[in-house]
Amino acid sequence: QVQFVESGGGLVQPGGSLRLSCTASGFDFRIASMKWYRQAPRKEREFVARIDVTGRRRDYADSVRGRFTQSRDNAKKMTFLQMNDLKPEDTAVYYCTADGFTTWGQGTQVTVSS
């Protein structure tokens, strides 16, 4: 079945960096656009980033553009989210998924705090 396994979260100070990873399985990764979402406490899940099948087109939420970079490795069926200059408002559980699927992984917790 379709699965997404996120990792790489943790506790980081404001201004710090983290790199999230997502391993996908159960579908043809090469033809799927991949997306990252996040959900902060008491808030709705929100879009963060999307990368197309070629890896050349990337879209970002306004709140993270210029600080976050998504990439993908089709051979490994993985997508990544490099997060720089982290802010307390980036604190959330981060999830990855693919276009056309409603499946979610367990997510990875990112906490930005001094």
C-alpha atoms as a PDB file:
ATOM      1  CA  GLN A   1       0.000   0.000   0.000  1.00  0.00           C
ATOM      2  CA  VAL A   2       0.962   3.650  -0.284  1.00  0.00           C
ATOM      3  CA  GLN A   3       3.205   4.766   2.552  1.00  0.00           C
ATOM      4  CA  PHE A   4       5.133   7.881   3.522  1.00  0.00           C
ATOM      5  CA  VAL A   5       7.750   7.813   6.272  1.00  0.00           C
ATOM      6  CA  GLU A   6       9.064  11.181   7.442  1.00  0.00           C
ATOM      7  CA  SER A   7      12.192  11.733   9.525  1.00  0.00           C
ATOM      8  CA  GLY A   8      14.737  14.365  10.462  1.00  0.00           C
ATOM      9  CA  GLY A   9      12.754  16.544  12.819  1.00  0.00           C
ATOM     10  CA  GLY A  10      13.985  17.755  16.168  1.00  0.00           C
ATOM     11  CA  LEU A  11      14.535  20.693  18.472  1.00  0.00           C
ATOM     12  CA  VAL A  12      16.478  23.601  17.017  1.00  0.00           C
ATOM     13  CA  GLN A  13      17.153  27.183  18.051  1.00  0.00           C
ATOM     14  CA  PRO A  14      15.784  30.111  16.046  1.00  0.00           C
ATOM     15  CA  GLY A  15      17.989  30.716  13.033  1.00  0.00           C
ATOM     16  CA  GLY A  16      19.016  27.086  12.883  1.00  0.00           C
ATOM     17  CA  SER A  17      18.565  24.487  10.152  1.00  0.00           C
ATOM     18  CA  LEU A  18      17.074  21.046   9.734  1.00  0.00           C
ATOM     19  CA  ARG A  19      16.760  18.660   6.809  1.00  0.00           C
ATOM     20  CA  LEU A  20      13.654  16.532   6.662  1.00  0.00           C
ATOM     21  CA  SER A  21      13.461  13.307   4.677  1.00  0.00           C
ATOM     22  CA  CYS A  22      10.508  11.378   3.345  1.00  0.00           C
ATOM     23  CA  THR A  23      10.630   7.860   1.956  1.00  0.00           C
ATOM     24  CA  ALA A  24       7.696   6.864  -0.234  1.00  0.00           C
ATOM     25  CA  SER A  25       6.506   3.446  -1.328  1.00  0.00           C
ATOM     26  CA  GLY A  26       3.544   1.726  -2.951  1.00  0.00           C
ATOM     27  CA  PHE A  27       3.312   3.844  -6.111  1.00  0.00           C
ATOM     28  CA  ASP A  28       5.449   4.998  -9.027  1.00  0.00           C
ATOM     29  CA  PHE A  29       7.475   7.742  -7.373  1.00  0.00           C
ATOM     30  CA  ARG A  30       8.971   8.911 -10.674  1.00  0.00           C
ATOM     31  CA  ILE A  31       5.630  10.231 -11.968  1.00  0.00           C
ATOM     32  CA  ALA A  32       4.366  11.804  -8.764  1.00  0.00           C
ATOM     33  CA  SER A  33       4.703  15.382  -7.651  1.00  0.00           C
ATOM     34  CA  MET A  34       5.652  15.406  -3.986  1.00  0.00           C
ATOM     35  CA  LYS A  35       4.443  17.795  -1.329  1.00  0.00           C
ATOM     36  CA  TRP A  36       5.183  18.804   2.237  1.00  0.00           C
ATOM     37  CA  TYR A  37       2.535  19.988   4.679  1.00  0.00           C
ATOM     38  CA  ARG A  38       2.706  20.946   8.323  1.00  0.00           C
ATOM     39  CA  GLN A  39       0.313  21.178  11.224  1.00  0.00           C
ATOM     40  CA  ALA A  40       0.948  23.355  14.235  1.00  0.00           C
ATOM     41  CA  PRO A  41      -0.886  22.815  17.535  1.00  0.00           C
ATOM     42  CA  ARG A  42      -4.539  23.904  17.341  1.00  0.00           C
ATOM     43  CA  LYS A  43      -4.171  24.836  13.686  1.00  0.00           C
ATOM     44  CA  GLU A  44      -5.230  23.287  10.392  1.00  0.00           C
ATOM     45  CA  ARG A  45      -2.751  21.392   8.266  1.00  0.00           C
ATOM     46  CA  GLU A  46      -1.191  23.768   5.745  1.00  0.00           C
ATOM     47  CA  PHE A  47       0.731  23.476   2.507  1.00  0.00           C
ATOM     48  CA  VAL A  48       4.476  24.083   2.713  1.00  0.00           C
ATOM     49  CA  ALA A  49       6.123  23.012  -0.543  1.00  0.00           C
ATOM     50  CA  ARG A  50       5.681  21.030  -3.745  1.00  0.00           C
ATOM     51  CA  ILE A  51       8.128  19.666  -6.290  1.00  0.00           C
ATOM     52  CA  ASP A  52       7.139  18.392  -9.718  1.00  0.00           C
ATOM     53  CA  VAL A  53       8.178  15.091 -11.271  1.00  0.00           C
ATOM     54  CA  THR A  54      11.218  16.588 -12.993  1.00  0.00           C
ATOM     55  CA  GLY A  55      12.457  18.371  -9.899  1.00  0.00           C
ATOM     56  CA  ARG A  56      12.698  21.600 -11.859  1.00  0.00           C
ATOM     57  CA  ARG A  57       9.510  23.273 -10.683  1.00  0.00           C
ATOM     58  CA  ARG A  58       9.060  24.002  -6.994  1.00  0.00           C
ATOM     59  CA  ASP A  59       6.301  25.924  -5.261  1.00  0.00           C
ATOM     60  CA  TYR A  60       6.412  27.235  -1.717  1.00  0.00           C
ATOM     61  CA  ALA A  61       4.096  28.808   0.790  1.00  0.00           C
ATOM     62  CA  ASP A  62       4.797  32.505   1.207  1.00  0.00           C
ATOM     63  CA  SER A  63       5.794  31.935   4.821  1.00  0.00           C
ATOM     64  CA  VAL A  64       8.722  29.661   3.898  1.00  0.00           C
ATOM     65  CA  ARG A  65       9.813  30.894   0.459  1.00  0.00           C
ATOM     66  CA  GLY A  66      13.497  31.800   0.457  1.00  0.00           C
ATOM     67  CA  ARG A  67      14.200  29.736   3.581  1.00  0.00           C
ATOM     68  CA  PHE A  68      13.037  26.221   2.643  1.00  0.00           C
ATOM     69  CA  THR A  69      14.157  24.154  -0.345  1.00  0.00           C
ATOM     70  CA  GLN A  70      12.564  20.927  -1.485  1.00  0.00           C
ATOM     71  CA  SER A  71      14.429  18.335  -3.515  1.00  0.00           C
ATOM     72  CA  ARG A  72      13.920  14.747  -4.609  1.00  0.00           C
ATOM     73  CA  ASP A  73      15.878  11.596  -5.395  1.00  0.00           C
ATOM     74  CA  ASN A  74      13.840   9.399  -7.723  1.00  0.00           C
ATOM     75  CA  ALA A  75      16.236   6.466  -7.479  1.00  0.00           C
ATOM     76  CA  LYS A  76      15.770   6.323  -3.714  1.00  0.00           C
ATOM     77  CA  LYS A  77      12.072   7.312  -3.817  1.00  0.00           C
ATOM     78  CA  MET A  78      12.761  10.115  -1.402  1.00  0.00           C
ATOM     79  CA  THR A  79      12.001  13.786  -1.096  1.00  0.00           C
ATOM     80  CA  PHE A  80      13.734  16.236   1.212  1.00  0.00           C
ATOM     81  CA  LEU A  81      12.999  19.576   2.795  1.00  0.00           C
ATOM     82  CA  GLN A  82      15.991  21.712   3.701  1.00  0.00           C
ATOM     83  CA  MET A  83      14.841  24.270   6.236  1.00  0.00           C
ATOM     84  CA  ASN A  84      17.100  27.230   7.026  1.00  0.00           C
ATOM     85  CA  ASP A  85      16.687  30.289   9.225  1.00  0.00           C
ATOM     86  CA  LEU A  86      14.020  28.511  11.228  1.00  0.00           C
ATOM     87  CA  LYS A  87      11.562  30.571  13.248  1.00  0.00           C
ATOM     88  CA  PRO A  88       9.378  29.665  16.233  1.00  0.00           C
ATOM     89  CA  GLU A  89       6.336  29.843  13.961  1.00  0.00           C
ATOM     90  CA  ASP A  90       7.773  26.934  11.941  1.00  0.00           C
ATOM     91  CA  THR A  91       7.097  24.671  14.909  1.00  0.00           C
ATOM     92  CA  ALA A  92       4.777  21.923  13.682  1.00  0.00           C
ATOM     93  CA  VAL A  93       4.490  18.302  12.697  1.00  0.00           C
ATOM     94  CA  TYR A  94       5.676  18.003   9.094  1.00  0.00           C
ATOM     95  CA  TYR A  95       4.140  15.514   6.668  1.00  0.00           C
ATOM     96  CA  CYS A  96       4.882  14.517   3.108  1.00  0.00           C
ATOM     97  CA  THR A  97       2.476  13.182   0.529  1.00  0.00           C
ATOM     98  CA  ALA A  98       2.087  12.913  -3.234  1.00  0.00           C
ATOM     99  CA  ASP A  99      -0.334  14.500  -5.670  1.00  0.00           C
ATOM    100  CA  GLY A 100      -3.436  12.363  -6.040  1.00  0.00           C
ATOM    101  CA  PHE A 101      -3.136  10.615  -2.679  1.00  0.00           C
ATOM    102  CA  THR A 102      -4.874  11.252   0.621  1.00  0.00           C
ATOM    103  CA  THR A 103      -2.536   9.031   2.619  1.00  0.00           C
ATOM    104  CA  TRP A 104      -0.440  10.617   5.378  1.00  0.00           C
ATOM    105  CA  GLY A 105       2.554   9.316   7.270  1.00  0.00           C
ATOM    106  CA  GLN A 106       3.131   9.708  10.991  1.00  0.00           C
ATOM    107  CA  GLY A 107       4.916  13.009  10.439  1.00  0.00           C
ATOM    108  CA  THR A 108       8.057  14.354  12.071  1.00  0.00           C
ATOM    109  CA  GLN A 109       8.030  16.959  14.835  1.00  0.00           C
ATOM    110  CA  VAL A 110       9.956  20.193  14.321  1.00  0.00           C
ATOM    111  CA  THR A 111      10.294  22.464  17.341  1.00  0.00           C
ATOM    112  CA  VAL A 112      12.006  25.845  17.044  1.00  0.00           C
ATOM    113  CA  SER A 113      12.712  27.314  20.437  1.00  0.00           C
ATOM    114  CA  SER A 114      15.480  28.924  22.428  1.00  0.00           C
END
